[in-house]
C-alpha atoms as a PDB file:
ATOM      1  CA  MET A   1     -12.424 -20.445 -46.148  1.00  0.00           C
ATOM      2  CA  ILE A   2     -15.281 -19.251 -43.945  1.00  0.00           C
ATOM      3  CA  ASN A   3     -14.294 -21.698 -41.205  1.00  0.00           C
ATOM      4  CA  LEU A   4     -10.723 -20.391 -41.275  1.00  0.00           C
ATOM      5  CA  HIS A   5     -11.927 -16.794 -40.850  1.00  0.00           C
ATOM      6  CA  ARG A   6     -14.264 -17.857 -38.050  1.00  0.00           C
ATOM      7  CA  ARG A   7     -11.491 -19.748 -36.253  1.00  0.00           C
ATOM      8  CA  ILE A   8      -9.133 -16.784 -36.560  1.00  0.00           C
ATOM      9  CA  LEU A   9     -11.747 -14.381 -35.160  1.00  0.00           C
ATOM     10  CA  LEU A  10     -12.650 -16.773 -32.350  1.00  0.00           C
ATOM     11  CA  ASN A  11      -9.005 -17.223 -31.345  1.00  0.00           C
ATOM     12  CA  ALA A  12      -8.533 -13.451 -31.485  1.00  0.00           C
ATOM     13  CA  LEU A  13     -11.519 -13.050 -29.151  1.00  0.00           C
ATOM     14  CA  LYS A  14     -10.047 -15.589 -26.721  1.00  0.00           C
ATOM     15  CA  LEU A  15      -6.691 -13.806 -26.803  1.00  0.00           C
ATOM     16  CA  PHE A  16      -8.451 -10.462 -26.310  1.00  0.00           C
ATOM     17  CA  ASP A  17     -10.238 -11.770 -23.202  1.00  0.00           C
ATOM     18  CA  LEU A  18      -6.995 -13.087 -21.737  1.00  0.00           C
ATOM     19  CA  LEU A  19      -5.211  -9.799 -22.474  1.00  0.00           C
ATOM     20  CA  ILE A  20      -8.008  -7.881 -20.763  1.00  0.00           C
ATOM     21  CA  MET A  21      -7.681 -10.177 -17.744  1.00  0.00           C
ATOM     22  CA  ALA A  22      -3.890  -9.724 -17.600  1.00  0.00           C
ATOM     23  CA  PHE A  23      -4.216  -5.947 -18.021  1.00  0.00           C
ATOM     24  CA  SER A  24      -6.850  -5.758 -15.267  1.00  0.00           C
ATOM     25  CA  PHE A  25      -4.689  -7.922 -13.011  1.00  0.00           C
ATOM     26  CA  ALA A  26      -1.652  -5.699 -13.568  1.00  0.00           C
ATOM     27  CA  LEU A  27      -3.602  -2.460 -13.141  1.00  0.00           C
ATOM     28  CA  ALA A  28      -5.282  -3.695  -9.954  1.00  0.00           C
ATOM     29  CA  THR A  29      -1.890  -4.796  -8.615  1.00  0.00           C
ATOM     30  CA  VAL A  30      -0.365  -1.383  -9.303  1.00  0.00           C
ATOM     31  CA  ALA A  31      -3.374   0.407  -7.782  1.00  0.00           C
ATOM     32  CA  VAL A  32      -3.331  -1.694  -4.608  1.00  0.00           C
ATOM     33  CA  HIS A  33       0.448  -1.481  -4.286  1.00  0.00           C
ATOM     34  CA  SER A  34       0.430   2.300  -4.619  1.00  0.00           C
ATOM     35  CA  HIS A  35      -2.426   2.513  -2.097  1.00  0.00           C
ATOM     36  CA  PHE A  36      -0.600   0.550   0.618  1.00  0.00           C
ATOM     37  CA  ASP A  37       3.042   1.176  -0.162  1.00  0.00           C
ATOM     38  CA  SER A  38       4.634   4.590  -0.377  1.00  0.00           C
ATOM     39  CA  GLY A  39       7.415   3.250  -2.629  1.00  0.00           C
ATOM     40  CA  THR A  40       7.929   4.576  -6.104  1.00  0.00           C
ATOM     41  CA  LEU A  41       6.677   2.977  -9.286  1.00  0.00           C
ATOM     42  CA  SER A  42      10.239   2.218 -10.374  1.00  0.00           C
ATOM     43  CA  ALA A  43      10.826   0.297  -7.127  1.00  0.00           C
ATOM     44  CA  PHE A  44       7.628  -1.650  -7.796  1.00  0.00           C
ATOM     45  CA  LEU A  45       8.716  -2.497 -11.334  1.00  0.00           C
ATOM     46  CA  GLN A  46      12.136  -3.648 -10.095  1.00  0.00           C
ATOM     47  CA  MET A  47      10.505  -6.192  -7.801  1.00  0.00           C
ATOM     48  CA  ARG A  48      11.453  -9.784  -8.526  1.00  0.00           C
ATOM     49  CA  ILE A  49       8.778 -12.211  -9.579  1.00  0.00           C
ATOM     50  CA  LYS A  50       9.033 -15.734  -8.205  1.00  0.00           C
ATOM     51  CA  VAL A  51       8.674 -18.697 -10.541  1.00  0.00           C
ATOM     52  CA  GLY A  52       5.809 -19.991  -8.400  1.00  0.00           C
ATOM     53  CA  ASN A  53       3.895 -16.738  -8.871  1.00  0.00           C
ATOM     54  CA  PHE A  54       4.436 -16.927 -12.625  1.00  0.00           C
ATOM     55  CA  VAL A  55       3.165 -20.526 -12.694  1.00  0.00           C
ATOM     56  CA  PHE A  56       0.172 -19.449 -10.577  1.00  0.00           C
ATOM     57  CA  PHE A  57      -0.604 -16.688 -13.074  1.00  0.00           C
ATOM     58  CA  LEU A  58      -0.379 -19.076 -16.037  1.00  0.00           C
ATOM     59  CA  GLY A  59      -2.724 -21.462 -14.228  1.00  0.00           C
ATOM     60  CA  PHE A  60      -5.098 -18.592 -13.577  1.00  0.00           C
ATOM     61  CA  LEU A  61      -5.021 -17.694 -17.289  1.00  0.00           C
ATOM     62  CA  LEU A  62      -6.020 -21.261 -18.102  1.00  0.00           C
ATOM     63  CA  ALA A  63      -8.783 -21.244 -15.484  1.00  0.00           C
ATOM     64  CA  TRP A  64     -10.064 -17.910 -16.846  1.00  0.00           C
ATOM     65  CA  HIS A  65     -10.253 -19.338 -20.349  1.00  0.00           C
ATOM     66  CA  VAL A  66     -12.090 -22.455 -19.122  1.00  0.00           C
ATOM     67  CA  ILE A  67     -14.584 -20.350 -17.135  1.00  0.00           C
ATOM     68  CA  PHE A  68     -15.361 -18.137 -20.126  1.00  0.00           C
ATOM     69  CA  SER A  69     -15.796 -21.238 -22.297  1.00  0.00           C
ATOM     70  CA  LEU A  70     -18.134 -22.864 -19.762  1.00  0.00           C
ATOM     71  CA  PHE A  71     -20.367 -19.780 -19.758  1.00  0.00           C
ATOM     72  CA  GLY A  72     -20.634 -19.958 -23.558  1.00  0.00           C
ATOM     73  CA  LEU A  73     -18.917 -16.644 -24.187  1.00  0.00           C
ATOM     74  CA  TYR A  74     -17.167 -18.012 -27.279  1.00  0.00           C
ATOM     75  CA  GLU A  75     -20.328 -19.191 -28.985  1.00  0.00           C
ATOM     76  CA  SER A  76     -22.252 -17.128 -31.490  1.00  0.00           C
ATOM     77  CA  ARG A  77     -24.437 -14.537 -29.766  1.00  0.00           C
ATOM     78  CA  ARG A  78     -25.653 -12.756 -32.844  1.00  0.00           C
ATOM     79  CA  PHE A  79     -29.326 -13.234 -32.006  1.00  0.00           C
ATOM     80  CA  SER A  80     -29.095 -12.937 -28.221  1.00  0.00           C
ATOM     81  CA  GLY A  81     -29.641  -9.675 -26.430  1.00  0.00           C
ATOM     82  CA  ARG A  82     -27.011  -7.444 -24.933  1.00  0.00           C
ATOM     83  CA  ARG A  83     -28.454  -7.818 -21.445  1.00  0.00           C
ATOM     84  CA  GLU A  84     -28.065 -11.598 -21.595  1.00  0.00           C
ATOM     85  CA  GLU A  85     -24.469 -11.287 -22.754  1.00  0.00           C
ATOM     86  CA  VAL A  86     -23.631  -8.752 -20.033  1.00  0.00           C
ATOM     87  CA  PHE A  87     -25.195 -11.018 -17.422  1.00  0.00           C
ATOM     88  CA  ASP A  88     -23.087 -13.971 -18.632  1.00  0.00           C
ATOM     89  CA  ILE A  89     -19.935 -11.822 -18.580  1.00  0.00           C
ATOM     90  CA  VAL A  90     -20.681 -10.681 -15.030  1.00  0.00           C
ATOM     91  CA  LYS A  91     -21.254 -14.290 -13.942  1.00  0.00           C
ATOM     92  CA  ALA A  92     -18.022 -15.475 -15.604  1.00  0.00           C
ATOM     93  CA  THR A  93     -15.843 -12.677 -14.213  1.00  0.00           C
ATOM     94  CA  SER A  94     -17.403 -13.119 -10.766  1.00  0.00           C
ATOM     95  CA  LEU A  95     -16.635 -16.838 -10.774  1.00  0.00           C
ATOM     96  CA  GLY A  96     -13.104 -16.105 -11.998  1.00  0.00           C
ATOM     97  CA  THR A  97     -12.592 -13.601  -9.181  1.00  0.00           C
ATOM     98  CA  ILE A  98     -13.882 -16.146  -6.658  1.00  0.00           C
ATOM     99  CA  VAL A  99     -11.387 -18.693  -8.048  1.00  0.00           C
ATOM    100  CA  LEU A 100      -8.663 -16.063  -7.619  1.00  0.00           C
ATOM    101  CA  LEU A 101      -9.788 -15.431  -4.024  1.00  0.00           C
ATOM    102  CA  ILE A 102      -9.871 -19.122  -3.104  1.00  0.00           C
ATOM    103  CA  SER A 103      -6.527 -19.892  -4.718  1.00  0.00           C
ATOM    104  CA  GLY A 104      -5.018 -16.763  -3.134  1.00  0.00           C
ATOM    105  CA  LEU A 105      -6.202 -17.866   0.290  1.00  0.00           C
ATOM    106  CA  ALA A 106      -5.002 -21.445  -0.271  1.00  0.00           C
ATOM    107  CA  LEU A 107      -1.559 -20.295  -1.416  1.00  0.00           C
ATOM    108  CA  LYS A 108      -1.453 -17.457   1.153  1.00  0.00           C
ATOM    109  CA  LEU A 109      -0.830 -14.753  -1.434  1.00  0.00           C
ATOM    110  CA  VAL A 110      -0.492 -11.332   0.172  1.00  0.00           C
ATOM    111  CA  MET A 111      -1.822  -9.581  -2.890  1.00  0.00           C
ATOM    112  CA  THR A 112      -5.379 -10.993  -2.784  1.00  0.00           C
ATOM    113  CA  THR A 113      -6.931  -8.314  -0.607  1.00  0.00           C
ATOM    114  CA  PRO A 114     -10.573  -7.227  -0.888  1.00  0.00           C
ATOM    115  CA  LEU A 115      -9.429  -3.971  -2.522  1.00  0.00           C
ATOM    116  CA  PHE A 116      -7.398  -5.863  -5.125  1.00  0.00           C
ATOM    117  CA  LEU A 117     -10.245  -8.268  -5.867  1.00  0.00           C
ATOM    118  CA  ALA A 118     -12.787  -5.441  -6.195  1.00  0.00           C
ATOM    119  CA  ALA A 119     -10.485  -3.444  -8.476  1.00  0.00           C
ATOM    120  CA  PHE A 120      -9.694  -6.506 -10.571  1.00  0.00           C
ATOM    121  CA  TRP A 121     -13.345  -7.555 -10.901  1.00  0.00           C
ATOM    122  CA  GLY A 122     -14.534  -4.042 -11.766  1.00  0.00           C
ATOM    123  CA  LEU A 123     -11.826  -3.415 -14.344  1.00  0.00           C
ATOM    124  CA  ASP A 124     -12.129  -6.789 -15.992  1.00  0.00           C
ATOM    125  CA  THR A 125     -15.914  -6.819 -16.109  1.00  0.00           C
ATOM    126  CA  GLY A 126     -16.110  -3.280 -17.460  1.00  0.00           C
ATOM    127  CA  LEU A 127     -13.419  -3.755 -20.095  1.00  0.00           C
ATOM    128  CA  THR A 128     -14.828  -7.092 -21.224  1.00  0.00           C
ATOM    129  CA  VAL A 129     -18.344  -5.661 -21.598  1.00  0.00           C
ATOM    130  CA  LEU A 130     -17.007  -2.643 -23.503  1.00  0.00           C
ATOM    131  CA  GLY A 131     -14.930  -4.905 -25.729  1.00  0.00           C
ATOM    132  CA  ARG A 132     -17.899  -7.136 -26.525  1.00  0.00           C
ATOM    133  CA  PHE A 133     -20.106  -4.133 -27.309  1.00  0.00           C
ATOM    134  CA  ALA A 134     -17.413  -2.744 -29.623  1.00  0.00           C
ATOM    135  CA  LEU A 135     -17.200  -6.143 -31.328  1.00  0.00           C
ATOM    136  CA  ARG A 136     -20.989  -6.311 -31.760  1.00  0.00           C
ATOM    137  CA  TYR A 137     -21.029  -2.802 -33.222  1.00  0.00           C
ATOM    138  CA  SER A 138     -18.182  -3.593 -35.638  1.00  0.00           C
ATOM    139  CA  LEU A 139     -19.755  -6.841 -36.814  1.00  0.00           C
ATOM    140  CA  ALA A 140     -23.132  -5.127 -37.315  1.00  0.00           C
ATOM    141  CA  ASN A 141     -21.458  -2.489 -39.486  1.00  0.00           C
ATOM    142  CA  ILE A 142     -19.704  -5.204 -41.482  1.00  0.00           C
ATOM    143  CA  ARG A 143     -23.030  -6.983 -42.028  1.00  0.00           C
ATOM    144  CA  LEU A 144     -24.641  -3.734 -43.206  1.00  0.00           C
ATOM    145  CA  ARG A 145     -22.005  -3.581 -45.941  1.00  0.00           C
ATOM    146  CA  GLY A 146     -22.982  -7.040 -47.171  1.00  0.00           C
ATOM    147  CA  ARG A 147     -20.114  -8.979 -45.564  1.00  0.00           C
ATOM    148  CA  ASN A 148     -20.317 -11.811 -43.018  1.00  0.00           C
ATOM    149  CA  LEU A 149     -23.726 -12.889 -44.324  1.00  0.00           C
ATOM    150  CA  ARG A 150     -25.082 -16.228 -45.433  1.00  0.00           C
ATOM    151  CA  HIS A 151     -27.742 -16.473 -48.120  1.00  0.00           C
ATOM    152  CA  MET A 152     -30.317 -19.245 -48.023  1.00  0.00           C
ATOM    153  CA  LEU A 153     -33.049 -20.426 -50.339  1.00  0.00           C
ATOM    154  CA  ILE A 154     -36.137 -21.773 -48.557  1.00  0.00           C
ATOM    155  CA  VAL A 155     -38.556 -23.741 -50.650  1.00  0.00           C
ATOM    156  CA  GLY A 156     -42.110 -24.147 -49.395  1.00  0.00           C
ATOM    157  CA  THR A 157     -44.790 -22.235 -47.568  1.00  0.00           C
ATOM    158  CA  ASN A 158     -45.501 -24.392 -44.528  1.00  0.00           C
ATOM    159  CA  PRO A 159     -45.099 -22.903 -41.035  1.00  0.00           C
ATOM    160  CA  ARG A 160     -41.535 -24.200 -40.703  1.00  0.00           C
ATOM    161  CA  ALA A 161     -40.504 -22.535 -43.963  1.00  0.00           C
ATOM    162  CA  VAL A 162     -42.141 -19.271 -42.987  1.00  0.00           C
END
């Protein structure tokens, strides 16, 4: 039962990270488009999306998930400090943005401008850090109420037991 709850929460965290990435990508796209193009928002939303761009975005979602997994962001960080977690998030989002830059240059995507990349990186890093802090705060409050705890009995008085 505990493993099921843990798996559900872990999958929700993975989905949350991908949603933050997609939201940051969309918001950075809208911000850059409105900065360079004087067209209306409705004209932007009526723009057709090519199948190749959709496949590229799905591939980027997969790469984002792999990068976050490689940096250990889906492992338990209950006893690690906030600074360490923020540093790992910054490293992971920076690597993800570099992957976006390289793939954008290789595929000659017009959208991958320095302004877009800076907006995307800033939004995604900030929202991910805020989301993780909110999660830490919520889990700490749950633990204070006696939930999400494990009780152990340690027998002995040697240094390892202490």
